[in-house]
Amino acid sequence: MILEFEKYRADLDELRRRLKDVGEGLHIEHMEEELVELKEEQNAEGFWDDLSRSTHVTRRISQLEGKLEHYNGLLSQCDDIEVMMELAEEENDSSMVGEVGETLDTVRKETESLELETLMRGPYDDCDAVLSLHAGAGGTEAQDWTSMLYRMYVRYCEHMGFTVKLLDILDGDEAGLKSVTFEVSGDHVYGFLRGEKGVHRLVRISPFDSNARRHTSFASLDVAPLLEEDNGDIEVDMKYVRVDTYHSSGAGGQNVNKTSSAVRMTYVKDDVTIVVACQTERDQVQNRATCLRMLKSKLLELREREREQQMADIKGEMKKIEWGSQIRSYVFQPYTMVKDHRTGYETGAIDDVMNGDLDGFTVAYLKMQ
């Protein structure tokens, strides 16, 4: 027992050191000061008169309280572990050895989760995000691959505790999806998902080929940060936007399907064309508002992409943003492997990946950044 506790104390000292670094990386003191200021604003007279501002402040308070509670809770658990070991030694109770080890493992995993957040230093990493999947050339095979990726990301979001809201979907001709757009909300959603943007390549024996030949399919994923409605960082000049309305093609009740409630916005300016659509809200007004937020997100993502290209030019390592430059390959046959071509991270556990286990890829990308 003594030898085990000596090892546990060394592990505990290491965890406390890591938590101290995490606290500095997350700027815990600044978060505490911001929380006090926001609560003072919340308690001020007339706070609820401005619904947009009050909603933003309330949400930010909830985020800060959650992060601080998580961080301080881990520090408290470290103290509890030390007390448990002292009591066990005083009473010569070896039955607590297993409990101490399990608690240490839990704190270690939670600390690793917080360490990831310290790697998110982008200006929009705290934002929610809009994800759009599009099937590449290849008909039914590519559309089925798009459907598989959509399921994978939904599973990943469930694993992370994120909320997924379907915005627009276009079914494939025979199976799968031609395209799907969905909103993801939660803590650091864009920070976790921005590394998924790009072309995803599938290699497998096609279930749609009677000769059981191996096929290669592509699907692209676009990830854009979703700004707060009161954020003036991006303005949309509506003279460049064409708005079309149409009947919703999905399930949604009589009103959704019998009226032209679905909205599509097409933004065309110079050599830039952006199309966004929403058909899942109750009425046309709500769909228009959602489309406008999506359009702002796409314009912001375009601006950030241009900045990245400029930086790559300066560094002399311009990266192509074109259909053939896949970021990741998923190989089902003749062997199983998923490999990220940017970080070099790979795994043979392809079933786990398709069920939403993307943690290894996320960590590798954030560390590379």
Protein backbone atom coordinates (compact mmCIF):
# COMPACT_ATOMS: atom_id res chain seq x y z
CA MET A 1 0.00 0.00 0.00
CA ILE A 2 2.82 2.40 0.89
CA LEU A 3 4.55 1.89 -2.46
CA GLU A 4 1.29 2.38 -4.35
CA PHE A 5 0.51 5.59 -2.47
CA GLU A 6 4.01 6.90 -3.18
CA LYS A 7 3.29 6.46 -6.88
CA TYR A 8 -0.15 8.03 -6.51
CA ARG A 9 1.36 11.05 -4.72
CA ALA A 10 3.78 11.54 -7.61
CA ASP A 11 0.85 11.29 -10.04
CA LEU A 12 -1.13 13.76 -7.91
CA ASP A 13 1.73 16.28 -7.93
CA GLU A 14 1.91 15.96 -11.72
CA LEU A 15 -1.85 16.49 -12.04
CA ARG A 16 -1.71 19.61 -9.88
CA ARG A 17 1.10 20.98 -12.03
CA ARG A 18 -0.91 20.33 -15.17
CA LEU A 19 -4.00 21.94 -13.65
CA LYS A 20 -1.96 25.01 -12.78
CA ASP A 21 -0.85 25.26 -16.41
CA VAL A 22 -4.45 24.75 -17.53
CA GLY A 23 -5.61 27.56 -15.22
CA GLU A 24 -3.04 29.91 -16.76
CA GLY A 25 -3.98 28.80 -20.27
CA LEU A 26 -7.70 29.32 -19.66
CA HIS A 27 -7.06 32.65 -17.88
CA ILE A 28 -9.07 31.56 -14.84
CA GLU A 29 -8.53 34.86 -13.01
CA HIS A 30 -9.81 36.81 -16.00
CA MET A 31 -12.84 34.51 -16.25
CA GLU A 32 -13.65 35.11 -12.58
CA GLU A 33 -13.43 38.88 -13.07
CA GLU A 34 -15.63 38.70 -16.19
CA LEU A 35 -18.20 36.62 -14.30
CA VAL A 36 -18.44 39.24 -11.53
CA GLU A 37 -18.90 42.05 -14.09
CA LEU A 38 -21.58 40.15 -16.01
CA LYS A 39 -23.52 39.32 -12.85
CA GLU A 40 -23.46 42.99 -11.87
CA GLU A 41 -24.85 43.83 -15.30
CA GLN A 42 -27.48 41.10 -14.93
CA ASN A 43 -28.66 42.57 -11.62
CA ALA A 44 -28.82 46.14 -12.97
CA GLU A 45 -32.18 47.78 -13.56
CA GLY A 46 -33.52 47.46 -17.11
CA PHE A 47 -31.26 44.51 -17.93
CA TRP A 48 -34.09 42.49 -19.49
CA ASP A 49 -35.27 45.37 -21.70
CA ASP A 50 -32.69 44.44 -24.34
CA LEU A 51 -33.55 40.81 -25.11
CA SER A 52 -30.59 40.22 -27.43
CA ARG A 53 -28.04 41.51 -24.92
CA SER A 54 -29.65 39.80 -21.94
CA THR A 55 -29.69 36.48 -23.79
CA HIS A 56 -26.02 36.82 -24.66
CA VAL A 57 -25.03 37.77 -21.10
CA THR A 58 -27.07 34.97 -19.54
CA ARG A 59 -25.52 32.41 -21.86
CA ARG A 60 -22.01 33.72 -21.18
CA ILE A 61 -22.60 33.57 -17.41
CA SER A 62 -23.68 29.95 -17.75
CA GLN A 63 -20.56 29.12 -19.78
CA LEU A 64 -18.21 30.81 -17.31
CA GLU A 65 -19.87 29.21 -14.29
CA GLY A 66 -19.65 25.79 -15.92
CA LYS A 67 -15.95 26.14 -16.75
CA LEU A 68 -15.01 27.54 -13.34
CA GLU A 69 -17.03 24.86 -11.56
CA HIS A 70 -15.31 22.18 -13.65
CA TYR A 71 -11.82 23.56 -12.98
CA ASN A 72 -12.31 24.19 -9.27
CA GLY A 73 -13.99 20.80 -8.92
CA LEU A 74 -10.85 19.09 -10.25
CA LEU A 75 -8.68 20.99 -7.77
CA SER A 76 -11.04 19.94 -5.00
CA GLN A 77 -10.87 16.30 -6.11
CA CYS A 78 -7.07 16.46 -5.92
CA ASP A 79 -7.37 17.60 -2.29
CA ASP A 80 -9.88 14.82 -1.62
CA ILE A 81 -7.47 12.23 -3.01
CA GLU A 82 -4.73 13.43 -0.69
CA VAL A 83 -7.07 13.23 2.31
CA MET A 84 -8.16 9.72 1.31
CA MET A 85 -4.54 8.53 1.21
CA GLU A 86 -3.77 10.09 4.60
CA LEU A 87 -6.79 8.40 6.19
CA ALA A 88 -5.94 5.06 4.62
CA GLU A 89 -2.40 5.24 5.96
CA GLU A 90 -3.56 6.23 9.46
CA GLU A 91 -6.04 3.36 9.60
CA ASN A 92 -3.87 0.96 7.59
CA ASP A 93 -6.85 0.41 5.27
CA SER A 94 -5.67 -1.08 1.95
CA SER A 95 -9.25 -1.25 0.61
CA MET A 96 -9.02 2.42 -0.41
CA VAL A 97 -6.11 1.85 -2.81
CA GLY A 98 -8.42 0.95 -5.71
CA GLU A 99 -10.75 3.90 -5.07
CA VAL A 100 -7.81 6.34 -5.02
CA GLY A 101 -6.52 4.94 -8.32
CA GLU A 102 -9.94 5.20 -10.00
CA THR A 103 -10.40 8.78 -8.80
CA LEU A 104 -6.95 9.70 -10.09
CA ASP A 105 -7.79 8.25 -13.52
CA THR A 106 -11.02 10.27 -13.62
CA VAL A 107 -9.26 13.51 -12.72
CA ARG A 108 -6.53 12.78 -15.27
CA LYS A 109 -9.06 12.34 -18.09
CA GLU A 110 -10.93 15.50 -17.11
CA THR A 111 -7.64 17.40 -16.99
CA GLU A 112 -6.78 16.23 -20.50
CA SER A 113 -10.16 17.53 -21.67
CA LEU A 114 -9.44 20.96 -20.19
CA GLU A 115 -5.94 20.95 -21.70
CA LEU A 116 -7.56 20.71 -25.12
CA GLU A 117 -9.44 23.94 -24.47
CA THR A 118 -6.15 25.76 -23.81
CA LEU A 119 -5.12 24.88 -27.38
CA MET A 120 -8.11 26.74 -28.80
CA ARG A 121 -6.79 30.22 -29.36
CA GLY A 122 -8.68 31.17 -32.52
CA PRO A 123 -10.95 34.23 -32.34
CA TYR A 124 -14.07 32.14 -33.08
CA ASP A 125 -13.24 28.87 -31.29
CA ASP A 126 -15.89 29.59 -28.64
CA CYS A 127 -18.61 29.91 -31.29
CA ASP A 128 -21.22 27.42 -32.40
CA ALA A 129 -20.84 26.21 -35.98
CA VAL A 130 -22.71 25.43 -39.18
CA LEU A 131 -21.56 22.27 -40.97
CA SER A 132 -22.40 21.45 -44.59
CA LEU A 133 -21.68 18.09 -46.21
CA HIS A 134 -21.75 17.72 -50.01
CA ALA A 135 -21.40 14.53 -52.04
CA GLY A 136 -18.70 14.48 -54.68
CA ALA A 137 -18.81 12.96 -58.12
CA GLY A 138 -19.80 9.31 -58.15
CA GLY A 139 -23.55 9.28 -57.80
CA THR A 140 -25.07 6.86 -55.30
CA GLU A 141 -21.70 5.76 -53.90
CA ALA A 142 -20.68 9.32 -52.97
CA GLN A 143 -24.15 10.10 -51.65
CA ASP A 144 -24.05 7.06 -49.38
CA TRP A 145 -20.62 8.20 -48.13
CA THR A 146 -22.08 11.63 -47.33
CA SER A 147 -24.80 9.96 -45.28
CA MET A 148 -22.19 7.91 -43.41
CA LEU A 149 -20.20 11.05 -42.58
CA TYR A 150 -23.34 12.83 -41.37
CA ARG A 151 -24.04 9.94 -39.01
CA MET A 152 -20.42 10.01 -37.83
CA TYR A 153 -20.54 13.71 -36.95
CA VAL A 154 -23.91 13.39 -35.21
CA ARG A 155 -22.46 10.58 -33.09
CA TYR A 156 -19.38 12.70 -32.33
CA CYS A 157 -21.57 15.61 -31.24
CA GLU A 158 -23.56 13.31 -28.96
CA HIS A 159 -20.28 12.07 -27.44
CA MET A 160 -19.16 15.67 -26.83
CA GLY A 161 -22.49 16.78 -25.38
CA PHE A 162 -23.19 19.12 -28.31
CA THR A 163 -26.67 19.85 -29.67
CA VAL A 164 -27.36 19.18 -33.37
CA LYS A 165 -30.08 21.00 -35.31
CA LEU A 166 -30.84 19.98 -38.89
CA LEU A 167 -31.21 22.99 -41.20
CA ASP A 168 -31.39 21.64 -44.73
CA ILE A 169 -31.20 18.21 -46.34
CA LEU A 170 -31.30 16.88 -49.89
CA ASP A 171 -31.78 13.14 -50.27
CA GLY A 172 -29.80 11.09 -52.78
CA ASP A 173 -31.35 9.70 -55.95
CA GLU A 174 -31.33 6.09 -54.72
CA ALA A 175 -29.66 6.16 -51.30
CA GLY A 176 -27.71 8.46 -49.04
CA LEU A 177 -27.60 12.25 -49.19
CA LYS A 178 -26.60 14.76 -51.85
CA SER A 179 -26.11 17.41 -49.18
CA VAL A 180 -26.98 18.19 -45.57
CA THR A 181 -26.52 21.31 -43.47
CA PHE A 182 -26.78 21.30 -39.69
CA GLU A 183 -26.08 23.61 -36.79
CA VAL A 184 -24.02 22.43 -33.81
CA SER A 185 -24.10 24.26 -30.50
CA GLY A 186 -22.16 23.78 -27.27
CA ASP A 187 -18.87 24.77 -25.66
CA HIS A 188 -16.01 25.42 -28.11
CA VAL A 189 -17.88 23.77 -30.99
CA TYR A 190 -16.01 25.60 -33.77
CA GLY A 191 -12.71 25.02 -31.98
CA PHE A 192 -13.29 21.28 -31.92
CA LEU A 193 -14.74 20.97 -35.43
CA ARG A 194 -12.82 23.47 -37.57
CA GLY A 195 -10.12 20.88 -38.23
CA GLU A 196 -12.71 18.66 -39.96
CA LYS A 197 -13.16 21.11 -42.84
CA GLY A 198 -12.06 19.68 -46.16
CA VAL A 199 -12.45 16.70 -48.47
CA HIS A 200 -12.94 13.22 -46.98
CA ARG A 201 -12.00 10.18 -49.10
CA LEU A 202 -13.53 6.71 -48.83
CA VAL A 203 -12.08 3.47 -50.21
CA ARG A 204 -14.26 0.34 -49.95
CA ILE A 205 -15.95 -2.51 -51.80
CA SER A 206 -19.12 -0.83 -53.04
CA PRO A 207 -22.38 -2.37 -51.78
CA PHE A 208 -23.98 -0.89 -54.91
CA ASP A 209 -21.67 -2.69 -57.34
CA SER A 210 -22.87 -6.18 -58.31
CA ASN A 211 -19.30 -7.08 -59.29
CA ALA A 212 -18.01 -6.19 -55.79
CA ARG A 213 -15.34 -3.85 -57.11
CA ARG A 214 -13.42 -1.41 -54.97
CA HIS A 215 -14.58 2.21 -55.27
CA THR A 216 -13.15 5.54 -54.17
CA SER A 217 -15.63 8.22 -53.16
CA PHE A 218 -15.35 11.80 -51.97
CA ALA A 219 -17.44 14.15 -49.86
CA SER A 220 -16.60 17.66 -48.70
CA LEU A 221 -17.31 19.21 -45.32
CA ASP A 222 -17.54 22.94 -44.78
CA VAL A 223 -17.36 24.29 -41.23
CA ALA A 224 -18.21 27.92 -40.47
CA PRO A 225 -18.40 29.67 -37.09
CA LEU A 226 -21.90 30.84 -36.17
CA LEU A 227 -21.81 34.39 -34.87
CA GLU A 228 -24.10 35.85 -32.25
CA GLU A 229 -27.02 37.69 -33.81
CA ASP A 230 -25.86 41.00 -32.34
CA ASN A 231 -22.29 40.52 -33.63
CA GLY A 232 -21.48 43.23 -36.19
CA ASP A 233 -18.26 41.60 -37.39
CA ILE A 234 -19.84 40.71 -40.75
CA GLU A 235 -22.40 42.78 -42.61
CA VAL A 236 -24.33 41.42 -45.60
CA ASP A 237 -25.16 43.80 -48.45
CA MET A 238 -28.54 42.45 -49.58
CA LYS A 239 -28.16 43.90 -53.08
CA TYR A 240 -25.86 40.95 -53.79
CA VAL A 241 -28.36 38.41 -52.43
CA ARG A 242 -31.17 36.66 -54.30
CA VAL A 243 -33.84 35.14 -52.07
CA ASP A 244 -35.95 32.23 -53.32
CA THR A 245 -38.77 30.45 -51.50
CA TYR A 246 -40.00 26.92 -52.16
CA HIS A 247 -41.92 24.05 -50.60
CA SER A 248 -40.07 22.05 -48.00
CA SER A 249 -39.15 18.56 -49.15
CA GLY A 250 -38.75 17.01 -45.71
CA ALA A 251 -41.05 15.98 -42.91
CA GLY A 252 -42.45 18.79 -40.85
CA GLY A 253 -46.19 18.85 -40.77
CA GLN A 254 -48.89 20.16 -43.06
CA ASN A 255 -47.94 23.83 -42.87
CA VAL A 256 -44.29 23.20 -43.70
CA ASN A 257 -45.09 21.08 -46.73
CA LYS A 258 -48.07 23.05 -48.13
CA THR A 259 -46.60 26.56 -48.04
CA SER A 260 -43.46 28.07 -49.56
CA SER A 261 -41.76 28.28 -46.18
CA ALA A 262 -38.32 27.02 -47.22
CA VAL A 263 -35.80 29.74 -48.07
CA ARG A 264 -32.70 29.73 -50.24
CA MET A 265 -30.29 32.68 -50.38
CA THR A 266 -27.74 33.03 -53.18
CA TYR A 267 -24.96 35.54 -52.62
CA VAL A 268 -23.05 36.60 -55.75
CA LYS A 269 -20.34 39.25 -55.66
CA ASP A 270 -17.33 39.40 -57.97
CA ASP A 271 -16.09 35.80 -58.25
CA VAL A 272 -17.72 34.66 -54.99
CA THR A 273 -20.93 32.62 -54.99
CA ILE A 274 -22.42 31.31 -51.76
CA VAL A 275 -25.69 29.38 -51.46
CA VAL A 276 -27.43 28.68 -48.15
CA ALA A 277 -30.85 27.17 -47.51
CA CYS A 278 -33.11 26.37 -44.58
CA GLN A 279 -36.37 24.43 -44.60
CA THR A 280 -36.76 23.14 -41.07
CA GLU A 281 -38.17 26.16 -39.22
CA ARG A 282 -41.91 26.72 -38.77
CA ASP A 283 -42.34 29.62 -41.15
CA GLN A 284 -40.62 31.63 -43.86
CA VAL A 285 -39.58 34.45 -41.51
CA GLN A 286 -37.66 32.07 -39.26
CA ASN A 287 -36.06 30.32 -42.22
CA ARG A 288 -34.96 33.69 -43.63
CA ALA A 289 -33.39 34.66 -40.32
CA THR A 290 -31.56 31.33 -40.12
CA CYS A 291 -30.34 31.68 -43.71
CA LEU A 292 -28.99 35.14 -42.99
CA ARG A 293 -27.02 33.87 -40.00
CA MET A 294 -25.67 31.03 -42.12
CA LEU A 295 -24.69 33.45 -44.87
CA LYS A 296 -22.82 35.63 -42.40
CA SER A 297 -21.02 32.53 -41.14
CA LYS A 298 -20.02 31.51 -44.66
CA LEU A 299 -18.72 35.02 -45.41
CA LEU A 300 -16.73 34.98 -42.18
CA GLU A 301 -15.32 31.55 -43.02
CA LEU A 302 -14.37 32.83 -46.48
CA ARG A 303 -12.57 35.81 -44.95
CA GLU A 304 -10.66 33.55 -42.55
CA ARG A 305 -9.73 31.23 -45.42
CA GLU A 306 -8.32 34.17 -47.37
CA ARG A 307 -6.22 35.12 -44.35
CA GLU A 308 -4.91 31.57 -44.08
CA GLN A 309 -3.98 31.61 -47.75
CA GLN A 310 -2.13 34.91 -47.32
CA MET A 311 -0.20 33.49 -44.34
CA ALA A 312 0.61 30.34 -46.30
CA ASP A 313 1.92 32.48 -49.17
CA ILE A 314 4.15 34.35 -46.75
CA LYS A 315 5.45 31.08 -45.31
CA GLY A 316 5.92 29.62 -48.79
CA GLU A 317 3.64 26.64 -48.16
CA MET A 318 0.46 27.44 -50.00
CA LYS A 319 -2.16 24.76 -49.43
CA LYS A 320 -4.61 23.92 -52.17
CA ILE A 321 -8.29 24.18 -51.37
CA GLU A 322 -9.58 22.06 -54.18
CA TRP A 323 -11.58 18.87 -54.61
CA GLY A 324 -8.66 16.49 -54.96
CA SER A 325 -6.74 17.63 -51.87
CA GLN A 326 -8.39 15.37 -49.29
CA ILE A 327 -7.57 15.94 -45.63
CA ARG A 328 -8.38 12.39 -44.54
CA SER A 329 -8.75 8.92 -46.03
CA TYR A 330 -11.01 6.16 -44.72
CA VAL A 331 -9.99 2.74 -46.03
CA PHE A 332 -12.34 -0.22 -45.47
CA GLN A 333 -10.69 -2.66 -47.93
CA PRO A 334 -8.25 -4.34 -48.43
CA TYR A 335 -7.25 -3.25 -44.90
CA THR A 336 -8.83 -0.92 -42.34
CA MET A 337 -7.28 2.46 -41.62
CA VAL A 338 -8.25 6.08 -41.17
CA LYS A 339 -5.40 8.52 -41.79
CA ASP A 340 -5.26 12.31 -41.55
CA HIS A 341 -2.92 13.56 -44.26
CA ARG A 342 -2.14 16.85 -42.47
CA THR A 343 -1.11 15.54 -39.06
CA GLY A 344 -0.11 11.99 -39.95
CA TYR A 345 -2.37 10.63 -37.21
CA GLU A 346 -3.91 7.27 -38.12
CA THR A 347 -5.86 4.44 -36.54
CA GLY A 348 -7.07 1.01 -37.60
CA ALA A 349 -10.21 1.25 -35.44
CA ILE A 350 -12.38 2.38 -38.34
CA ASP A 351 -15.65 1.22 -36.74
CA ASP A 352 -14.96 3.40 -33.69
CA VAL A 353 -14.22 6.38 -35.93
CA MET A 354 -17.44 5.93 -37.90
CA ASN A 355 -19.27 5.80 -34.57
CA GLY A 356 -17.96 9.24 -33.69
CA ASP A 357 -14.61 8.60 -31.98
CA LEU A 358 -12.68 11.52 -33.46
CA ASP A 359 -10.79 12.54 -30.32
CA GLY A 360 -7.40 11.40 -31.61
CA PHE A 361 -7.77 13.43 -34.82
CA THR A 362 -8.95 16.50 -32.89
CA VAL A 363 -6.03 16.40 -30.47
CA ALA A 364 -3.49 15.88 -33.27
CA TYR A 365 -4.87 18.79 -35.29
CA LEU A 366 -5.02 21.22 -32.36
CA LYS A 367 -1.46 20.34 -31.35
CA MET A 368 -0.28 20.82 -34.95
CA GLN A 369 -1.94 24.24 -35.03
